[in-house]
């Protein structure tokens, strides 16, 4: 019985961690979209600034419509830790890099 409870606790913990990472990623990507919108869309097209909640929603719609599954060679070829690091990199680092280069381009406008 103790083993079963431990397995259930691990599954619940992984589910909670996944939900937290998805939420943090959505807010982070929404913030990046908000800043890019403010730097480029507002001055060029004269549209109003995008509130954070709207930016999160628009970012989620864009992610849903443009989702691409990248298949790895084999699940056995890659360590689970390496796969997790790559996934976290895409969730956190990629938007940060886009924000950084957007900021640089914005300085030239």
C-alpha atoms as a PDB file:
ATOM      1  CA  UNK A   1       0.000   0.000   0.000  1.00  0.00           C
ATOM      2  CA  UNK A   2       2.866   2.388   0.813  1.00  0.00           C
ATOM      3  CA  UNK A   3       4.413   1.920  -2.625  1.00  0.00           C
ATOM      4  CA  UNK A   4       1.103   2.720  -4.323  1.00  0.00           C
ATOM      5  CA  UNK A   5       0.734   5.947  -2.329  1.00  0.00           C
ATOM      6  CA  UNK A   6       4.308   6.894  -3.189  1.00  0.00           C
ATOM      7  CA  UNK A   7       3.672   6.373  -6.911  1.00  0.00           C
ATOM      8  CA  UNK A   8       0.462   8.403  -6.743  1.00  0.00           C
ATOM      9  CA  UNK A   9       2.303  11.190  -4.893  1.00  0.00           C
ATOM     10  CA  UNK A  10       5.023  11.244  -7.562  1.00  0.00           C
ATOM     11  CA  UNK A  11       2.440  11.411 -10.360  1.00  0.00           C
ATOM     12  CA  UNK A  12       0.592  14.247  -8.614  1.00  0.00           C
ATOM     13  CA  UNK A  13       3.874  16.075  -8.026  1.00  0.00           C
ATOM     14  CA  UNK A  14       4.906  15.756 -11.668  1.00  0.00           C
ATOM     15  CA  UNK A  15       1.459  16.960 -12.765  1.00  0.00           C
ATOM     16  CA  UNK A  16       1.614  19.952 -10.415  1.00  0.00           C
ATOM     17  CA  UNK A  17       5.133  20.844 -11.565  1.00  0.00           C
ATOM     18  CA  UNK A  18       4.074  20.589 -15.202  1.00  0.00           C
ATOM     19  CA  UNK A  19       1.056  22.834 -14.598  1.00  0.00           C
ATOM     20  CA  UNK A  20       3.267  25.369 -12.820  1.00  0.00           C
ATOM     21  CA  UNK A  21       5.821  25.378 -15.656  1.00  0.00           C
ATOM     22  CA  UNK A  22       3.078  25.839 -18.261  1.00  0.00           C
ATOM     23  CA  UNK A  23       1.618  28.763 -16.301  1.00  0.00           C
ATOM     24  CA  UNK A  24       4.999  30.445 -15.762  1.00  0.00           C
ATOM     25  CA  UNK A  25       5.891  29.907 -19.417  1.00  0.00           C
ATOM     26  CA  UNK A  26       2.580  31.427 -20.582  1.00  0.00           C
ATOM     27  CA  UNK A  27       3.094  34.528 -18.427  1.00  0.00           C
ATOM     28  CA  UNK A  28       6.746  34.883 -19.514  1.00  0.00           C
ATOM     29  CA  UNK A  29       5.887  34.532 -23.208  1.00  0.00           C
ATOM     30  CA  UNK A  30       2.983  36.953 -22.729  1.00  0.00           C
ATOM     31  CA  UNK A  31       5.348  39.499 -21.202  1.00  0.00           C
ATOM     32  CA  UNK A  32       7.778  39.104 -24.116  1.00  0.00           C
ATOM     33  CA  UNK A  33       4.897  39.574 -26.591  1.00  0.00           C
ATOM     34  CA  UNK A  34       3.711  42.633 -24.652  1.00  0.00           C
ATOM     35  CA  UNK A  35       7.150  44.237 -24.889  1.00  0.00           C
ATOM     36  CA  UNK A  36       7.636  43.414 -28.569  1.00  0.00           C
ATOM     37  CA  UNK A  37       4.146  44.754 -29.292  1.00  0.00           C
ATOM     38  CA  UNK A  38       4.923  47.961 -27.420  1.00  0.00           C
ATOM     39  CA  UNK A  39       8.266  48.425 -29.163  1.00  0.00           C
ATOM     40  CA  UNK A  40       7.215  47.647 -32.732  1.00  0.00           C
ATOM     41  CA  UNK A  41       3.460  47.406 -33.350  1.00  0.00           C
ATOM     42  CA  UNK A  42       2.341  50.478 -31.380  1.00  0.00           C
ATOM     43  CA  UNK A  43       4.710  52.992 -33.032  1.00  0.00           C
ATOM     44  CA  UNK A  44       4.514  51.517 -36.549  1.00  0.00           C
ATOM     45  CA  UNK A  45       0.770  50.867 -36.837  1.00  0.00           C
ATOM     46  CA  UNK A  46      -0.556  53.183 -34.115  1.00  0.00           C
ATOM     47  CA  UNK A  47      -2.431  50.394 -32.358  1.00  0.00           C
ATOM     48  CA  UNK A  48      -3.044  50.535 -28.594  1.00  0.00           C
ATOM     49  CA  UNK A  49      -0.699  48.806 -26.158  1.00  0.00           C
ATOM     50  CA  UNK A  50      -1.529  45.227 -25.280  1.00  0.00           C
ATOM     51  CA  UNK A  51      -2.353  44.503 -21.609  1.00  0.00           C
ATOM     52  CA  UNK A  52      -0.492  41.565 -20.055  1.00  0.00           C
ATOM     53  CA  UNK A  53      -3.560  39.327 -19.822  1.00  0.00           C
ATOM     54  CA  UNK A  54      -4.407  39.954 -23.490  1.00  0.00           C
ATOM     55  CA  UNK A  55      -0.774  39.306 -24.454  1.00  0.00           C
ATOM     56  CA  UNK A  56      -0.847  35.988 -22.587  1.00  0.00           C
ATOM     57  CA  UNK A  57      -4.039  35.006 -24.421  1.00  0.00           C
ATOM     58  CA  UNK A  58      -2.736  36.062 -27.835  1.00  0.00           C
ATOM     59  CA  UNK A  59       0.534  34.244 -27.152  1.00  0.00           C
ATOM     60  CA  UNK A  60      -1.354  31.075 -26.234  1.00  0.00           C
ATOM     61  CA  UNK A  61      -3.428  31.275 -29.430  1.00  0.00           C
ATOM     62  CA  UNK A  62      -0.293  31.790 -31.531  1.00  0.00           C
ATOM     63  CA  UNK A  63       1.439  28.872 -29.776  1.00  0.00           C
ATOM     64  CA  UNK A  64      -1.579  26.670 -30.357  1.00  0.00           C
ATOM     65  CA  UNK A  65      -1.830  27.544 -34.046  1.00  0.00           C
ATOM     66  CA  UNK A  66       1.906  27.235 -34.751  1.00  0.00           C
ATOM     67  CA  UNK A  67       2.795  24.248 -32.526  1.00  0.00           C
ATOM     68  CA  UNK A  68       5.381  21.955 -34.092  1.00  0.00           C
ATOM     69  CA  UNK A  69       6.439  18.609 -32.677  1.00  0.00           C
ATOM     70  CA  UNK A  70      10.175  18.060 -33.020  1.00  0.00           C
ATOM     71  CA  UNK A  71      10.903  14.372 -33.052  1.00  0.00           C
ATOM     72  CA  UNK A  72      14.136  13.141 -31.554  1.00  0.00           C
ATOM     73  CA  UNK A  73      16.058  10.203 -33.016  1.00  0.00           C
ATOM     74  CA  UNK A  74      15.065   7.907 -30.215  1.00  0.00           C
ATOM     75  CA  UNK A  75      13.871   8.305 -26.656  1.00  0.00           C
ATOM     76  CA  UNK A  76      16.594   5.925 -25.519  1.00  0.00           C
ATOM     77  CA  UNK A  77      19.404   7.960 -27.110  1.00  0.00           C
ATOM     78  CA  UNK A  78      18.824  10.986 -24.899  1.00  0.00           C
ATOM     79  CA  UNK A  79      19.043  11.118 -21.138  1.00  0.00           C
ATOM     80  CA  UNK A  80      15.848  12.330 -19.482  1.00  0.00           C
ATOM     81  CA  UNK A  81      17.801  15.087 -17.732  1.00  0.00           C
ATOM     82  CA  UNK A  82      19.122  16.364 -21.063  1.00  0.00           C
ATOM     83  CA  UNK A  83      15.610  16.300 -22.512  1.00  0.00           C
ATOM     84  CA  UNK A  84      14.274  18.227 -19.495  1.00  0.00           C
ATOM     85  CA  UNK A  85      17.066  20.814 -19.805  1.00  0.00           C
ATOM     86  CA  UNK A  86      16.282  21.315 -23.503  1.00  0.00           C
ATOM     87  CA  UNK A  87      12.578  21.697 -22.755  1.00  0.00           C
ATOM     88  CA  UNK A  88      13.205  24.238 -19.991  1.00  0.00           C
ATOM     89  CA  UNK A  89      15.575  26.081 -22.309  1.00  0.00           C
ATOM     90  CA  UNK A  90      12.839  26.404 -24.906  1.00  0.00           C
ATOM     91  CA  UNK A  91      10.334  27.560 -22.287  1.00  0.00           C
ATOM     92  CA  UNK A  92      12.557  30.145 -20.591  1.00  0.00           C
ATOM     93  CA  UNK A  93      15.679  30.924 -22.606  1.00  0.00           C
ATOM     94  CA  UNK A  94      14.217  31.214 -26.110  1.00  0.00           C
ATOM     95  CA  UNK A  95      11.756  34.020 -25.163  1.00  0.00           C
ATOM     96  CA  UNK A  96      14.589  35.743 -23.253  1.00  0.00           C
ATOM     97  CA  UNK A  97      16.816  35.664 -26.344  1.00  0.00           C
ATOM     98  CA  UNK A  98      13.985  37.009 -28.519  1.00  0.00           C
ATOM     99  CA  UNK A  99      13.348  39.778 -25.970  1.00  0.00           C
ATOM    100  CA  UNK A 100      17.051  40.678 -25.866  1.00  0.00           C
ATOM    101  CA  UNK A 101      17.406  40.950 -29.639  1.00  0.00           C
ATOM    102  CA  UNK A 102      14.068  42.776 -29.878  1.00  0.00           C
ATOM    103  CA  UNK A 103      15.370  45.275 -27.335  1.00  0.00           C
ATOM    104  CA  UNK A 104      18.516  45.817 -29.418  1.00  0.00           C
ATOM    105  CA  UNK A 105      16.492  46.364 -32.620  1.00  0.00           C
ATOM    106  CA  UNK A 106      14.129  48.670 -30.711  1.00  0.00           C
ATOM    107  CA  UNK A 107      17.066  50.915 -29.798  1.00  0.00           C
ATOM    108  CA  UNK A 108      17.594  51.689 -33.490  1.00  0.00           C
ATOM    109  CA  UNK A 109      14.014  52.851 -34.081  1.00  0.00           C
END
